[in-house]
Protein backbone atom coordinates (compact mmCIF):
# COMPACT_ATOMS: atom_id res chain seq x y z
CA MET A 1 120.34 117.98 180.91
CA LYS A 2 116.93 119.07 179.91
CA LYS A 3 117.33 122.00 177.77
CA LEU A 4 114.43 124.95 178.14
CA ARG A 5 112.47 126.72 175.70
CA ILE A 6 113.68 130.62 175.96
CA GLU A 7 111.01 133.61 175.16
CA SER A 8 112.06 136.97 174.87
CA GLY A 9 112.91 138.38 178.24
CA LYS A 10 112.03 135.20 180.20
CA VAL A 11 113.06 131.64 180.73
CA LYS A 12 110.06 128.87 180.58
CA ASN A 13 109.63 127.07 183.65
CA THR A 14 112.29 128.51 185.47
CA ILE A 15 113.88 131.82 187.32
CA LEU A 16 115.91 134.32 185.08
CA VAL A 17 118.73 135.46 187.58
CA SER A 18 120.16 139.04 186.38
CA LEU A 19 124.21 138.83 186.57
CA ALA A 20 124.31 142.60 185.81
CA THR A 21 125.65 143.38 189.22
CA LEU A 22 127.49 147.04 189.35
CA GLY A 23 130.74 145.33 189.45
CA LEU A 24 130.24 143.02 186.40
CA MET A 25 128.79 146.13 184.68
CA THR A 26 132.06 148.08 185.75
CA GLY A 27 133.94 144.86 184.07
CA ILE A 28 132.33 145.01 181.24
CA SER A 29 132.59 148.86 180.67
CA SER A 30 136.45 148.76 181.55
CA CYS A 31 136.73 145.72 178.58
CA GLU A 32 134.85 147.84 176.16
CA GLN A 33 137.43 150.65 176.99
CA LEU A 34 140.41 148.42 176.72
CA GLN A 35 139.05 147.11 173.30
CA ASP A 36 139.10 150.58 172.01
CA SER A 37 142.88 150.81 172.25
CA LEU A 38 143.44 147.41 170.98
CA SER A 39 145.06 146.99 167.55
CA SER A 40 142.89 145.91 164.37
CA GLU A 41 144.83 142.61 164.81
CA GLN A 42 144.13 142.20 168.56
CA ASN A 43 140.60 143.19 168.08
CA LYS A 44 140.11 140.61 165.54
CA LYS A 45 141.11 138.17 167.52
CA VAL A 46 138.95 139.06 170.57
CA LEU A 47 135.99 138.94 168.50
CA GLU A 48 137.14 135.46 166.84
CA ASP A 49 137.53 134.45 170.48
CA THR A 50 134.01 135.91 171.59
CA GLY A 51 131.71 134.40 168.54
CA SER A 52 128.94 136.36 166.63
CA ALA A 53 125.86 135.42 165.36
CA ARG A 54 125.42 134.51 161.60
CA LEU A 55 123.34 132.73 159.15
CA SER A 56 124.14 129.99 156.94
CA GLY A 57 122.39 131.62 154.14
CA LYS A 58 119.92 134.05 152.74
CA ASN A 59 117.25 131.39 152.27
CA TRP A 60 115.27 129.73 155.06
CA TYR A 61 113.02 126.26 153.92
CA TYR A 62 109.97 125.18 155.73
CA ASN A 63 109.32 121.41 155.77
CA GLY A 64 106.23 121.47 153.49
CA LEU A 65 105.11 122.40 149.79
CA ALA A 66 103.99 125.74 148.14
CA ASP A 67 100.21 124.70 148.45
CA ASP A 68 100.51 123.15 151.80
CA ASP A 69 98.67 124.60 154.73
CA MET A 70 101.28 125.36 157.34
CA SER A 71 98.95 127.15 159.76
CA LEU A 72 98.85 124.46 162.22
CA THR A 73 102.62 123.85 162.51
CA ALA A 74 103.36 123.47 166.03
CA SER A 75 106.36 122.65 167.96
CA LYS A 76 107.18 118.82 168.34
CA LEU A 77 108.36 116.81 171.21
CA GLY A 78 108.16 119.82 173.62
CA ASP A 79 110.46 122.53 174.41
CA GLU A 80 113.58 120.76 173.00
CA TYR A 81 112.23 120.46 169.27
CA PHE A 82 110.58 122.58 166.69
CA GLU A 83 109.60 121.48 163.81
CA GLN A 84 110.11 124.87 161.89
CA SER A 85 113.22 126.78 163.32
CA LEU A 86 115.79 128.75 161.67
CA LEU A 87 119.53 128.29 163.32
CA VAL A 88 121.60 131.28 164.38
CA SER A 89 125.13 130.15 164.78
CA PHE A 90 127.69 131.40 167.38
CA GLY A 91 130.91 129.27 166.27
CA LYS A 92 131.38 129.74 170.33
CA LYS A 93 129.53 128.38 173.18
CA VAL A 94 127.14 130.93 174.18
CA ALA A 95 125.19 131.69 177.01
CA LEU A 96 121.74 133.78 177.52
CA ASP A 97 121.39 137.09 179.39
CA SER A 98 118.24 138.15 178.15
CA LEU A 99 116.95 137.15 174.73
CA SER A 100 115.45 140.21 173.00
CA GLY A 101 114.62 140.63 169.18
CA SER A 102 111.77 140.34 166.52
CA ILE A 103 110.79 139.06 163.41
CA GLU A 104 108.96 140.73 160.35
CA VAL A 105 107.39 139.04 157.66
CA THR A 106 106.68 140.84 154.33
CA TYR A 107 104.58 138.94 151.68
CA THR A 108 102.11 139.18 148.75
CA ASN A 109 98.48 138.06 149.57
CA GLY A 110 95.89 137.16 147.05
CA GLU A 111 94.82 140.58 145.80
CA GLY A 112 98.25 141.06 145.11
CA ASN A 113 99.22 143.85 147.73
CA SER A 114 102.20 143.74 149.77
CA VAL A 115 101.79 143.35 153.49
CA THR A 116 104.07 143.11 156.40
CA GLU A 117 103.47 141.60 159.62
CA THR A 118 105.75 142.10 162.71
CA PHE A 119 106.30 139.51 165.60
CA PRO A 120 107.67 141.57 168.36
CA LYS A 121 108.88 138.95 170.48
CA ILE A 122 110.96 135.61 169.76
CA SER A 123 111.68 132.58 171.46
CA GLY A 124 113.21 129.40 170.84
CA THR A 125 116.07 127.00 172.42
CA PHE A 126 119.66 126.04 172.42
CA THR A 127 121.41 123.24 170.16
CA GLU A 128 122.98 120.52 172.37
CA ASP A 129 126.53 122.09 172.19
CA TYR A 130 125.34 125.70 173.06
CA GLU A 131 126.88 127.03 170.06
CA ALA A 132 123.63 127.88 168.11
CA PHE A 133 120.24 128.80 168.86
CA LYS A 134 116.87 127.78 167.06
CA VAL A 135 114.70 130.62 166.66
CA ASP A 136 110.98 128.95 166.61
CA LEU A 137 109.01 130.08 163.49
CA SER A 138 105.53 128.42 164.14
CA SER A 139 104.26 131.87 164.49
CA VAL A 140 105.46 132.88 161.12
CA MET A 141 104.10 129.35 159.41
CA ALA A 142 100.60 130.63 160.89
CA LEU A 143 100.72 132.92 158.01
CA PHE A 144 101.02 130.52 155.49
CA ASP A 145 97.87 129.08 155.45
CA THR A 146 97.37 129.11 151.25
CA VAL A 147 95.35 131.75 151.77
CA LYS A 148 97.51 134.89 152.99
CA ILE A 149 100.34 133.75 151.47
CA PRO A 150 98.72 132.08 148.32
CA GLY A 151 102.40 131.32 146.54
CA GLY A 152 103.92 130.03 149.46
CA THR A 153 106.73 132.27 149.82
CA ALA A 154 107.83 135.49 151.46
CA VAL A 155 110.70 137.27 153.24
CA MET A 156 111.58 137.88 156.79
CA ASN A 157 113.67 140.26 158.97
CA LEU A 158 115.11 138.82 162.11
CA LYS A 159 116.83 140.63 164.89
CA ILE A 160 117.87 139.02 167.99
CA GLY A 161 120.35 139.88 171.01
CA GLY A 162 120.82 139.23 174.37
CA PHE A 163 123.63 136.73 174.13
CA LYS A 164 126.97 136.44 175.74
CA CYS A 165 130.21 134.49 175.43
CA ALA A 166 130.27 131.20 177.77
CA GLU A 167 133.89 129.66 176.80
CA GLY A 168 137.68 130.66 176.81
CA SER A 169 139.30 133.92 177.35
CA GLN A 170 135.97 136.08 176.38
CA LYS A 171 133.98 134.11 178.63
CA GLY A 172 130.78 136.83 179.61
CA ARG A 173 131.62 139.33 177.18
CA GLN A 174 128.35 140.15 175.61
CA ILE A 175 127.68 139.38 171.81
CA ALA A 176 126.65 142.13 169.77
CA SER A 177 123.06 142.26 168.49
CA PHE A 178 122.47 140.78 164.80
CA GLU A 179 120.19 141.72 162.01
CA ALA A 180 119.19 139.82 159.17
CA LYS A 181 117.35 141.36 156.21
CA ASN A 182 115.33 139.42 153.41
CA ILE A 183 115.54 136.38 154.00
CA LYS A 184 113.93 134.33 151.43
CA ILE A 185 110.90 131.92 153.18
CA GLN A 186 110.37 128.84 150.58
CA PRO A 187 109.06 125.33 150.95
CA PHE A 188 111.57 122.44 151.13
CA PHE A 189 109.68 120.08 148.70
CA SER A 190 108.06 120.77 145.28
CA SER A 191 105.81 117.55 145.54
CA ASP A 192 105.25 114.46 147.67
CA GLU A 193 103.52 112.25 145.16
CA LEU A 194 106.24 110.62 143.07
CA SER A 195 106.27 108.35 140.13
CA PHE A 196 108.67 105.50 139.88
CA SER A 197 109.14 104.20 136.27
CA THR A 198 110.01 100.53 135.60
CA VAL A 199 111.00 100.75 132.14
CA GLY A 200 114.25 98.80 131.61
CA PHE A 201 114.18 98.34 135.41
CA SER A 202 117.72 97.68 137.25
CA LYS A 203 118.78 96.93 141.08
CA ASP A 204 121.94 98.46 139.99
CA THR A 205 120.92 101.69 137.87
CA SER A 206 117.21 102.36 138.35
CA SER A 207 116.76 105.05 140.98
CA LEU A 208 114.01 107.74 142.21
CA GLU A 209 115.00 111.20 142.88
CA ILE A 210 113.07 113.51 145.12
CA PRO A 211 113.70 117.15 144.20
CA VAL A 212 114.28 119.52 147.08
CA SER A 213 114.99 123.54 147.15
CA GLY A 214 118.45 123.82 148.94
CA ASN A 215 121.10 122.07 150.14
CA PHE A 216 120.85 119.68 153.07
CA VAL A 217 122.36 116.74 154.74
CA LEU A 218 121.20 113.07 155.97
CA GLN A 219 121.80 113.26 159.73
CA ASN A 220 122.12 109.43 159.65
CA GLY A 221 124.05 109.52 156.20
CA SER A 222 123.07 106.89 154.06
CA SER A 223 120.10 104.94 155.20
CA THR A 224 117.42 102.21 154.48
CA VAL A 225 113.69 102.58 154.19
CA THR A 226 111.28 99.73 154.06
CA SER A 227 107.66 100.04 153.45
CA THR A 228 104.46 97.55 152.51
CA ALA A 229 103.28 98.39 148.82
CA SER A 230 99.52 97.81 147.63
CA ASP A 231 100.33 94.65 146.53
CA SER A 232 101.20 93.50 150.19
CA LYS A 233 104.94 93.07 149.51
CA GLU A 234 108.00 94.76 151.20
CA TYR A 235 110.14 96.92 149.39
CA SER A 236 113.50 98.73 150.53
CA PHE A 237 115.39 101.47 149.00
CA LYS A 238 118.90 103.19 150.09
CA VAL A 239 118.27 106.74 151.25
CA GLU A 240 121.09 109.18 149.93
CA GLY A 241 121.97 112.72 149.05
CA ARG A 242 122.83 113.82 145.57
CA ASP A 243 123.03 117.40 144.94
CA SER A 244 119.64 119.13 145.39
CA ALA A 245 117.63 115.81 145.64
CA ILE A 246 117.36 112.98 147.70
CA LEU A 247 118.33 109.79 145.91
CA LEU A 248 116.13 106.45 146.43
CA SER A 249 118.01 103.26 145.22
CA PRO A 250 116.09 100.08 145.00
CA LEU A 251 117.31 97.30 147.07
CA PHE A 252 114.72 94.81 145.50
CA ASP A 253 115.16 92.70 142.43
CA THR A 254 111.60 92.91 140.58
CA PRO A 255 109.74 96.01 141.18
CA PRO A 256 105.74 96.03 141.49
CA GLU A 257 103.37 95.90 138.97
CA ASP A 258 102.09 98.92 136.98
CA GLY A 259 100.16 101.02 139.16
CA ALA A 260 101.23 99.52 142.51
CA THR A 261 101.57 102.26 145.31
CA LEU A 262 104.08 102.68 148.29
CA ASP A 263 104.33 105.23 151.04
CA LEU A 264 107.47 106.03 152.54
CA LEU A 265 108.46 107.80 155.42
CA LEU A 266 112.22 109.60 155.35
CA SER A 267 113.52 111.13 158.53
CA GLY A 268 116.63 112.94 159.34
CA ILE A 269 116.52 115.72 156.50
CA LEU A 270 118.35 118.54 157.76
CA PRO A 271 118.29 121.53 155.34
CA GLU A 272 120.66 124.09 155.43
CA GLY A 273 119.99 127.01 158.27
CA ALA A 274 117.25 124.67 159.72
CA GLY A 275 117.13 124.24 163.48
CA ASP A 276 115.87 120.95 163.07
CA SER A 277 115.58 117.86 160.69
CA TYR A 278 112.56 117.28 158.85
CA SER A 279 110.30 114.18 158.49
CA LYS A 280 108.17 113.92 155.29
CA GLY A 281 105.88 111.35 153.77
CA PHE A 282 106.00 110.58 149.99
CA SER A 283 103.51 108.46 148.10
CA VAL A 284 105.23 106.37 144.99
CA THR A 285 103.36 105.06 142.04
CA PHE A 286 105.22 102.72 139.84
CA THR A 287 104.47 102.71 136.17
CA LYS A 288 105.48 101.17 133.10
CA TYR A 289 105.97 104.45 131.31
CA LYS A 290 109.63 105.81 131.05
CA ILE A 291 108.66 109.42 132.03
CA VAL A 292 105.73 110.36 134.54
CA ILE A 293 104.17 113.76 133.23
CA ASP A 294 104.06 115.67 136.54
CA GLY A 295 106.27 118.77 135.63
CA VAL A 296 109.62 117.39 137.63
CA LYS A 297 112.54 116.80 135.41
CA ASP A 298 113.48 113.04 136.49
CA GLY A 299 116.42 111.23 135.56
CA ASN A 300 114.82 109.59 132.82
CA PHE A 301 115.80 112.64 130.92
CA ALA A 302 119.19 112.48 131.85
CA GLU A 303 121.86 111.43 128.76
CA GLU A 304 123.11 108.53 130.16
CA ASN A 305 119.54 107.08 130.17
CA GLY A 306 119.26 107.46 126.57
CA ALA A 307 117.41 111.12 126.44
CA LEU A 308 118.78 113.54 124.09
CA TYR A 309 119.44 117.04 125.13
CA LEU A 310 120.18 120.65 123.27
CA SER A 311 121.05 123.52 124.90
CA ASP A 312 120.03 126.82 124.22
CA PRO A 313 121.81 130.28 125.14
CA ALA A 314 120.69 132.54 128.01
CA SER A 315 119.13 136.01 127.54
CA ASP A 316 119.18 135.69 123.85
CA GLN A 317 115.49 136.94 123.37
CA TRP A 318 114.55 138.35 119.95
CA GLU A 319 111.38 139.76 119.01
CA TYR A 320 110.50 138.32 115.63
CA GLY A 321 107.26 139.24 114.39
CA SER A 322 106.92 142.21 116.61
CA THR A 323 106.51 145.87 116.54
CA GLY A 324 108.51 147.20 119.57
CA TYR A 325 108.23 144.79 122.28
CA ASP A 326 110.43 144.73 125.26
CA VAL A 327 111.17 140.81 125.49
CA SER A 328 114.29 141.16 127.77
CA ALA A 329 111.76 139.48 130.64
CA GLN A 330 109.95 137.30 128.54
CA THR A 331 110.44 133.39 128.45
CA ASP A 332 114.00 132.58 127.87
CA LEU A 333 114.52 128.94 126.59
CA SER A 334 117.29 126.80 128.09
CA GLY A 335 117.02 123.69 127.03
CA LEU A 336 115.06 120.93 125.42
CA SER A 337 115.03 117.40 126.03
CA VAL A 338 113.60 114.57 124.21
CA THR A 339 113.24 110.50 124.86
CA SER A 340 110.68 108.02 124.31
CA ASP A 341 109.21 104.46 125.25
CA ASP A 342 107.05 101.96 123.63
CA ASP A 343 104.13 104.45 123.68
CA TYR A 344 105.21 107.87 124.07
CA LEU A 345 107.38 110.72 122.47
CA TYR A 346 108.56 112.70 125.27
CA ILE A 347 109.25 116.61 125.06
CA GLY A 348 110.70 118.19 128.07
CA VAL A 349 111.35 121.97 127.85
CA SER A 350 113.55 123.91 130.17
CA GLY A 351 114.40 127.77 130.93
CA SER A 352 112.83 130.84 132.38
CA LEU A 353 109.51 130.33 131.59
CA GLN A 354 107.53 133.68 131.99
CA LEU A 355 104.25 132.14 129.93
CA THR A 356 101.31 133.84 131.45
CA TRP A 357 97.63 133.69 129.90
CA ALA A 358 98.86 135.52 126.54
CA ASN A 359 102.48 133.98 126.44
CA PRO A 360 102.10 130.42 124.53
CA LEU A 361 104.40 127.72 123.86
CA GLY A 362 104.47 125.88 120.45
CA ILE A 363 106.06 122.54 119.90
CA LEU A 364 106.42 121.02 116.38
CA VAL A 365 107.36 117.96 115.62
CA SER A 366 108.05 116.82 111.63
CA ASN A 367 109.07 113.40 110.39
CA GLY A 368 111.99 114.37 108.20
CA SER A 369 113.87 117.43 107.26
CA VAL A 370 111.08 119.74 105.79
CA THR A 371 112.23 123.54 105.19
CA GLY A 372 109.99 126.15 105.68
CA GLY A 373 108.86 129.09 103.15
CA SER A 374 107.77 132.38 103.56
CA GLY A 375 104.28 131.94 104.99
CA ALA A 376 105.05 130.99 108.27
CA ARG A 377 103.55 133.56 110.78
CA SER A 378 105.02 134.24 113.97
CA SER A 379 101.95 133.60 115.62
CA VAL A 380 101.74 130.83 118.32
CA SER A 381 98.88 131.81 119.85
CA ILE A 382 96.55 129.00 120.92
CA ALA A 383 93.75 130.14 118.61
CA ASP A 384 96.35 129.36 115.37
CA ALA A 385 97.04 125.73 116.22
CA GLU A 386 94.65 124.07 114.05
CA ASP A 387 95.30 126.77 111.19
CA PHE A 388 99.13 126.08 111.67
CA ALA A 389 98.57 122.27 111.35
CA ASN A 390 96.64 122.91 108.29
CA LYS A 391 96.10 125.86 106.10
CA GLY A 392 99.24 127.66 107.62
CA GLY A 393 101.48 124.58 107.10
CA ARG A 394 100.73 123.68 103.95
CA SER A 395 100.71 127.13 102.36
CA ALA A 396 104.03 127.63 104.02
CA LYS A 397 105.26 124.29 102.73
CA VAL A 398 106.16 123.48 106.43
CA GLN A 399 104.03 120.55 107.42
CA PRO A 400 104.61 119.49 110.95
CA ASN A 401 103.40 116.36 111.76
CA VAL A 402 102.11 117.25 115.10
CA TYR A 403 101.87 121.19 116.59
CA ILE A 404 100.94 121.49 120.15
CA SER A 405 100.32 125.31 121.01
CA HIS A 406 100.08 125.62 125.12
CA GLN A 407 99.48 128.49 127.51
CA PRO A 408 100.08 126.99 131.26
CA GLY A 409 99.25 130.16 132.59
CA ALA A 410 95.60 130.34 131.11
CA ASN A 411 93.01 129.74 133.41
CA ASN A 412 95.14 130.73 136.59
CA ASP A 413 94.23 127.21 137.61
CA GLY A 414 97.82 125.02 137.16
CA ASN A 415 96.58 123.64 134.43
CA GLY A 416 96.71 125.98 131.25
CA ALA A 417 95.22 125.59 127.79
CA LEU A 418 96.68 122.99 125.21
CA SER A 419 95.73 122.56 121.62
CA ALA A 420 97.24 120.22 119.83
CA PHE A 421 96.75 119.04 115.95
CA ALA A 422 98.55 116.43 113.71
CA TRP A 423 98.36 116.22 109.87
CA ILE A 424 96.68 112.74 109.62
CA SER A 425 95.88 111.79 105.86
CA SER A 426 96.17 115.11 104.43
CA THR A 427 93.74 116.55 107.24
CA ASN A 428 94.39 118.31 110.51
CA THR A 429 92.79 116.03 113.50
CA ASP A 430 92.46 117.41 116.79
CA ILE A 431 94.88 115.13 119.05
CA THR A 432 94.31 117.21 122.31
CA SER A 433 92.87 114.73 124.40
CA SER A 434 95.22 112.21 123.96
CA VAL A 435 98.67 114.28 124.24
CA LYS A 436 99.79 114.76 128.09
CA CYS A 437 101.38 118.04 129.64
CA ALA A 438 102.63 118.97 133.02
CA PRO A 439 102.88 122.55 134.03
CA LYS A 440 102.05 121.15 137.76
CA GLY A 441 101.62 124.03 140.19
CA TRP A 442 101.50 126.65 137.13
CA ASN A 443 99.57 129.78 137.62
CA GLU A 444 100.28 133.31 136.80
CA GLU A 445 101.89 133.99 140.23
CA THR A 446 103.70 130.87 140.44
CA VAL A 447 105.53 129.71 137.20
CA SER A 448 107.93 126.96 136.80
CA SER A 449 111.16 126.42 134.90
CA PHE A 450 110.35 122.75 133.37
CA LEU A 451 107.51 121.75 131.06
CA GLU A 452 107.09 118.46 129.76
CA TYR A 453 104.85 116.52 126.82
CA ALA A 454 103.61 113.22 125.81
CA ILE A 455 102.64 112.70 122.19
CA PRO A 456 101.54 109.06 121.88
CA LEU A 457 103.44 106.85 118.91
CA GLY A 458 101.52 105.43 116.22
CA SER A 459 98.73 108.32 116.62
CA VAL A 460 100.58 109.82 113.40
CA SER A 461 102.41 108.65 110.31
CA GLY A 462 105.83 109.19 110.69
CA LEU A 463 105.55 109.02 114.64
CA ASN A 464 106.64 105.18 114.73
CA LYS A 465 109.28 103.39 116.39
CA GLY A 466 112.39 103.69 114.06
CA ASP A 467 111.31 107.10 112.61
CA THR A 468 113.21 109.94 112.64
CA VAL A 469 111.88 113.00 113.84
CA SER A 470 112.98 116.75 113.63
CA ILE A 471 111.37 119.13 116.90
CA ILE A 472 111.33 122.72 117.08
CA VAL A 473 110.09 124.86 120.24
CA ALA A 474 109.10 128.36 119.83
CA ALA A 475 108.09 130.74 122.84
CA GLY A 476 105.50 133.57 121.88
CA LEU A 477 103.82 136.48 123.02
CA GLY A 478 100.18 137.23 121.95
CA TRP A 479 98.77 140.48 123.12
CA ASP A 480 96.05 142.75 121.25
CA GLU A 481 98.97 144.87 119.30
CA GLY A 482 99.86 141.51 117.72
CA PHE A 483 102.00 138.64 118.07
CA ALA A 484 105.78 137.52 118.07
CA VAL A 485 108.12 135.06 118.82
CA VAL A 486 111.06 135.54 121.54
CA ASP A 487 113.01 132.66 121.82
CA ALA A 488 113.38 129.09 120.02
CA CYS A 489 115.44 125.79 120.44
CA PRO A 490 117.24 125.24 118.17
CA ASP A 491 117.73 128.95 117.74
CA SER A 492 118.92 128.17 113.92
CA ALA A 493 115.49 126.51 113.16
CA VAL A 494 113.53 129.49 113.33
CA SER A 495 114.38 132.93 111.31
CA LYS A 496 112.46 136.21 110.44
CA ASN A 497 110.67 136.89 107.29
CA PRO A 498 111.41 139.81 105.10
CA ASP A 499 108.17 141.18 105.84
CA SER A 500 109.40 141.32 109.48
CA MET A 501 105.93 140.50 110.55
CA SER A 502 106.42 136.60 110.05
CA VAL A 503 109.10 133.85 110.95
CA LYS A 504 110.31 130.41 108.91
CA TYR A 505 110.21 127.31 110.98
CA ASP A 506 113.32 125.30 109.25
CA PHE A 507 112.97 121.54 110.16
CA ALA A 508 116.23 120.81 108.56
CA ASN A 509 117.75 122.71 111.60
CA GLY A 510 115.42 121.39 113.98
CA MET A 511 116.41 118.87 116.97
CA SER A 512 116.93 115.41 115.33
CA TYR A 513 115.80 112.50 117.05
CA LYS A 514 115.41 108.93 116.04
CA ILE A 515 112.68 106.74 118.00
CA PRO A 516 114.19 103.50 119.19
CA ASP A 517 113.18 100.48 117.49
């Protein structure tokens, strides 16, 4: 049977026949009077038999990225399928009396002002079992044009009513109108450009994870997807759901060469709360490097794949070197990950990284256990990177082989400001251009929870295969009033100096990592 697109107050391509005769109205009124006299247990049973509107969660995810222009999104496959729809479930088979409702969307525009827009009518269609209704949100997506809602997020309030029970002892009984507030609207995908590392490739253990924002199911269960790569050969993957990621496992014995690309189209992805499943295209680039510096914490940073991980306590910020800062809302580091391959030492930093234009991150790498003295200043401002790697380091007897200072929010362009200096032959050498970093998608309005860096091996004495290095990460504040260090990983590697305006970096307590031979 063909389902019909239903809009507030009308049914498209058919005639809405009202059943609200006088006798029916009297019957409903009598039912309501009867319900008043029922016990709480009986009333609960009646409501269960009738059904009630509900959502699966407080988040709704659209089929796109934060920087996608969603304004041209439209219904697909006629009136039966909506690419962007919110599922309202009833738990019972329902019918429509007269659809009513509205959607209110609140977002922050490019000027930083809060804006609310209201859509006074809603439309949609029933699911095949008539136990849920898919609210069409294409009108809401028209706001997500990267200009009105530059960050890709907003919240909406939904009001919907006009349904009645269509099965069981309560058939014909009205279902109460439903209102849900502050439903967070978010992109479901963070990237559609993926990289597959072929380091240590194995058909049985290698995989590619596509991170997603919420729970989902694959409607077809585990499936297989095949595509032709740029080397003109076909490659197949097994597609599975794994926590908050789509897992692609290779079904081929030999991977493509470094730099080969592959386009994949995945379908049947049904996010929690969505009315219809999503199809999404992805571009995959094969690379000989273990970690692709793209701002995504992939499986190569997992301990089972040879990486080293150190956690940091939550909400443990302090204010070393500051004078009265409230640091509770500043960067809170949660962990440090380290791994390497034949070419790079890779460092990943996790946490609540509130690193705006004035709040930098410092990454210090030293070979051996070097203990800092009293002269190491608290500042991790980008302007002090060269000074710390040279004069500051020597006078403090803290001599990191590599010092990176990074302000991801600087310039508000998604790249940030990076400065990296290395101690080479008793001189400080600018190696910024050879260090890779990825605060992908980062700006002052949209921050990330993961940063990653790649430092070339062999560029510094003591940074080669077989060497053991000590690593410290420190998050800083840098304002006109002064500087402060608000968190570090490991915490024990940083301590407050007696003058209260500087800190000591102790590599003996840093995270120790041996670069494999």
